Amino acid sequence: MAKQKIVPSNPPVALAHEALMGRDFSDAVVFFHEAIAAHLGINATEWKCLGLLERQGPLPASRLAELSGFTTGAITGIVDRLERAGYVRREKHPTDRRSVIVQPVNAEEVRKRVEPVFQSLVQALSSIASKYSPAEISAIASYLTQITAAIHAETARLKQAKTRPIRPHRAGPLLRPGP
């Protein structure tokens, strides 16, 4: 049985503790993917879009935008950078001349470069998982699946919300102390 982590019994404190753990986990995942991307000479956004193309295969740019949640304008910039880096190429859409298909290229080279990183991570995660029973692993998997669905739903909600940029506070003229 896994070693139990002590969680505060006070519900508001427990929720705050859980939120901090979630933030730490999220930060670690983001920074891990940023490090992989830097290893490939791209950024994390481009890396994650490249991952979508690897899993889904060639996609119209508009579909890549839908799957990633980025605007079509943002996807144009992402694809431009991935194309310059040699990871994708644009191809004419066979039925829609206004659209392009984003085709991943050099996938084997990318795989060779990131495979050692993921092998190391898989070994570390396997070591951690070995400390849990199958029932505990099942509960953890269920929890993570539900969290992932909640994050997808919140992401969609945020994308639909009207937003206003935060404007920096404008200070008035400097006040000089009196004599």
Protein backbone atom coordinates (compact mmCIF):
# COMPACT_ATOMS: atom_id res chain seq x y z
CA MET A 1 0.00 0.00 0.00
CA ALA A 2 1.21 3.49 -0.81
CA LYS A 3 2.50 5.77 1.87
CA GLN A 4 -0.34 8.10 2.85
CA LYS A 5 0.34 11.79 2.53
CA ILE A 6 -1.02 13.83 5.38
CA VAL A 7 -3.73 16.17 4.18
CA PRO A 8 -5.15 18.81 6.52
CA SER A 9 -8.53 17.85 8.01
CA ASN A 10 -9.86 21.41 7.78
CA PRO A 11 -11.79 21.48 4.42
CA PRO A 12 -10.70 24.99 3.32
CA VAL A 13 -7.08 24.19 4.19
CA ALA A 14 -7.35 20.82 2.40
CA LEU A 15 -8.70 22.55 -0.72
CA ALA A 16 -5.91 25.12 -0.61
CA HIS A 17 -3.38 22.29 -0.19
CA GLU A 18 -4.89 20.42 -3.16
CA ALA A 19 -4.87 23.60 -5.28
CA LEU A 20 -1.19 24.18 -4.54
CA MET A 21 -0.40 20.56 -5.44
CA GLY A 22 -2.31 21.05 -8.69
CA ARG A 23 -0.38 24.21 -9.47
CA ASP A 24 2.92 22.50 -8.73
CA PHE A 25 1.96 19.58 -10.98
CA SER A 26 0.78 21.90 -13.76
CA ASP A 27 3.95 23.98 -13.54
CA ALA A 28 6.12 20.85 -13.68
CA VAL A 29 4.30 19.56 -16.79
CA VAL A 30 4.49 22.92 -18.58
CA PHE A 31 8.17 23.38 -17.77
CA PHE A 32 8.95 19.79 -18.78
CA HIS A 33 7.35 20.32 -22.18
CA GLU A 34 9.09 23.67 -22.56
CA ALA A 35 12.42 21.91 -21.92
CA ILE A 36 11.64 19.25 -24.55
CA ALA A 37 10.64 21.95 -27.01
CA ALA A 38 13.85 23.89 -26.35
CA HIS A 39 15.76 20.66 -27.00
CA LEU A 40 14.15 20.71 -30.47
CA GLY A 41 14.67 24.44 -31.02
CA ILE A 42 10.97 25.34 -30.75
CA ASN A 43 8.65 26.52 -27.99
CA ALA A 44 6.14 24.51 -25.94
CA THR A 45 3.15 25.71 -27.98
CA GLU A 46 4.79 24.55 -31.19
CA TRP A 47 5.81 21.27 -29.53
CA LYS A 48 2.26 20.54 -28.41
CA CYS A 49 0.87 21.36 -31.88
CA LEU A 50 3.51 19.07 -33.40
CA GLY A 51 2.31 16.39 -30.97
CA LEU A 52 -1.26 16.83 -32.21
CA LEU A 53 -0.03 16.35 -35.77
CA GLU A 54 1.93 13.26 -34.75
CA ARG A 55 -1.13 11.69 -33.10
CA GLN A 56 -3.76 12.85 -35.60
CA GLY A 57 -1.72 12.81 -38.80
CA PRO A 58 -1.81 15.58 -41.41
CA LEU A 59 -4.53 18.12 -40.66
CA PRO A 60 -6.06 21.19 -42.24
CA ALA A 61 -4.73 24.25 -40.42
CA SER A 62 -8.29 25.05 -39.32
CA ARG A 63 -8.63 21.63 -37.67
CA LEU A 64 -5.29 22.09 -35.91
CA ALA A 65 -6.69 25.37 -34.58
CA GLU A 66 -9.83 23.60 -33.33
CA LEU A 67 -7.90 20.81 -31.62
CA SER A 68 -5.38 23.14 -30.00
CA GLY A 69 -7.85 25.87 -29.05
CA PHE A 70 -5.73 28.52 -30.77
CA THR A 71 -7.13 30.97 -33.28
CA THR A 72 -6.50 30.34 -36.95
CA GLY A 73 -4.26 33.43 -36.94
CA ALA A 74 -2.17 32.00 -34.10
CA ILE A 75 -1.96 28.65 -35.90
CA THR A 76 -0.62 30.41 -38.99
CA GLY A 77 2.29 31.75 -36.92
CA ILE A 78 2.86 28.41 -35.20
CA VAL A 79 2.91 26.57 -38.54
CA ASP A 80 5.23 29.23 -39.99
CA ARG A 81 7.73 28.62 -37.17
CA LEU A 82 7.40 24.83 -37.36
CA GLU A 83 7.92 24.99 -41.11
CA ARG A 84 11.04 27.18 -40.74
CA ALA A 85 12.38 24.71 -38.14
CA GLY A 86 11.83 21.82 -40.58
CA TYR A 87 9.11 19.97 -38.64
CA VAL A 88 6.12 20.51 -40.95
CA ARG A 89 5.26 21.50 -44.48
CA ARG A 90 2.13 22.98 -45.96
CA GLU A 91 0.39 21.11 -48.75
CA LYS A 92 -2.52 22.22 -50.89
CA HIS A 93 -5.86 20.97 -49.65
CA PRO A 94 -7.23 18.53 -52.23
CA THR A 95 -10.77 19.98 -52.23
CA ASP A 96 -10.54 23.47 -50.69
CA ARG A 97 -8.13 25.88 -52.35
CA ARG A 98 -8.49 28.33 -49.42
CA SER A 99 -7.11 25.75 -46.99
CA VAL A 100 -3.79 24.00 -46.47
CA ILE A 101 -2.93 20.65 -44.96
CA VAL A 102 -0.21 20.74 -42.33
CA GLN A 103 1.98 17.69 -42.86
CA PRO A 104 4.48 16.65 -40.18
CA VAL A 105 7.95 15.87 -41.58
CA ASN A 106 11.08 14.41 -40.02
CA ALA A 107 8.92 12.56 -37.48
CA GLU A 108 11.50 9.81 -37.07
CA GLU A 109 14.22 12.35 -36.29
CA VAL A 110 11.98 14.03 -33.70
CA ARG A 111 11.18 10.65 -32.17
CA LYS A 112 14.89 9.77 -31.91
CA ARG A 113 15.64 13.05 -30.16
CA VAL A 114 12.83 12.91 -27.59
CA GLU A 115 12.61 9.17 -27.00
CA PRO A 116 15.47 9.10 -24.44
CA VAL A 117 13.77 11.86 -22.46
CA PHE A 118 10.48 10.00 -22.36
CA GLN A 119 12.17 6.67 -21.57
CA SER A 120 13.73 8.29 -18.54
CA LEU A 121 10.38 9.76 -17.48
CA VAL A 122 8.58 6.44 -17.99
CA GLN A 123 11.17 4.71 -15.78
CA ALA A 124 10.68 7.33 -13.04
CA LEU A 125 6.89 7.11 -13.27
CA SER A 126 6.97 3.30 -13.28
CA SER A 127 9.03 3.37 -10.11
CA ILE A 128 6.44 5.61 -8.47
CA ALA A 129 3.51 3.53 -9.77
CA SER A 130 5.05 0.33 -8.39
CA LYS A 131 4.37 1.65 -4.89
CA TYR A 132 0.60 1.59 -5.49
CA SER A 133 -1.86 -1.27 -5.70
CA PRO A 134 -3.84 -1.88 -8.91
CA ALA A 135 -6.94 -0.48 -7.19
CA GLU A 136 -5.06 2.67 -6.20
CA ILE A 137 -3.70 3.07 -9.73
CA SER A 138 -7.24 2.70 -11.05
CA ALA A 139 -8.46 5.40 -8.65
CA ILE A 140 -5.59 7.70 -9.66
CA ALA A 141 -6.34 7.10 -13.35
CA SER A 142 -10.00 7.90 -12.79
CA TYR A 143 -9.11 11.06 -10.89
CA LEU A 144 -6.71 12.22 -13.63
CA THR A 145 -9.27 11.45 -16.36
CA GLN A 146 -11.88 13.53 -14.55
CA ILE A 147 -9.41 16.37 -13.95
CA THR A 148 -8.44 16.34 -17.63
CA ALA A 149 -12.11 16.54 -18.68
CA ALA A 150 -12.70 19.40 -16.23
CA ILE A 151 -9.69 21.29 -17.58
CA HIS A 152 -10.91 20.82 -21.17
CA ALA A 153 -14.36 22.09 -20.16
CA GLU A 154 -12.93 25.11 -18.33
CA THR A 155 -10.65 25.87 -21.28
CA ALA A 156 -13.65 25.88 -23.62
CA ARG A 157 -15.58 28.08 -21.18
CA LEU A 158 -12.71 30.56 -20.97
CA LYS A 159 -12.39 30.68 -24.75
CA GLN A 160 -16.09 31.65 -24.96
CA ALA A 161 -15.91 34.33 -22.26
CA LYS A 162 -15.59 37.98 -23.15
CA THR A 163 -12.28 39.25 -21.89
CA ARG A 164 -10.64 42.60 -21.48
CA PRO A 165 -6.92 43.04 -21.18
CA ILE A 166 -5.58 44.24 -17.89
CA ARG A 167 -4.36 47.76 -18.34
CA PRO A 168 -1.23 48.74 -16.44
CA HIS A 169 -1.85 51.28 -13.73
CA ARG A 170 -0.82 54.69 -14.90
CA ALA A 171 0.76 56.68 -12.16
CA GLY A 172 0.27 60.42 -12.16
CA PRO A 173 3.16 62.83 -12.12
CA LEU A 174 5.79 62.09 -9.55
CA LEU A 175 5.03 63.75 -6.30
CA ARG A 176 7.98 65.42 -4.76
CA PRO A 177 8.15 65.71 -1.05
CA GLY A 178 7.71 69.22 0.23
CA PRO A 179 10.58 71.25 1.63
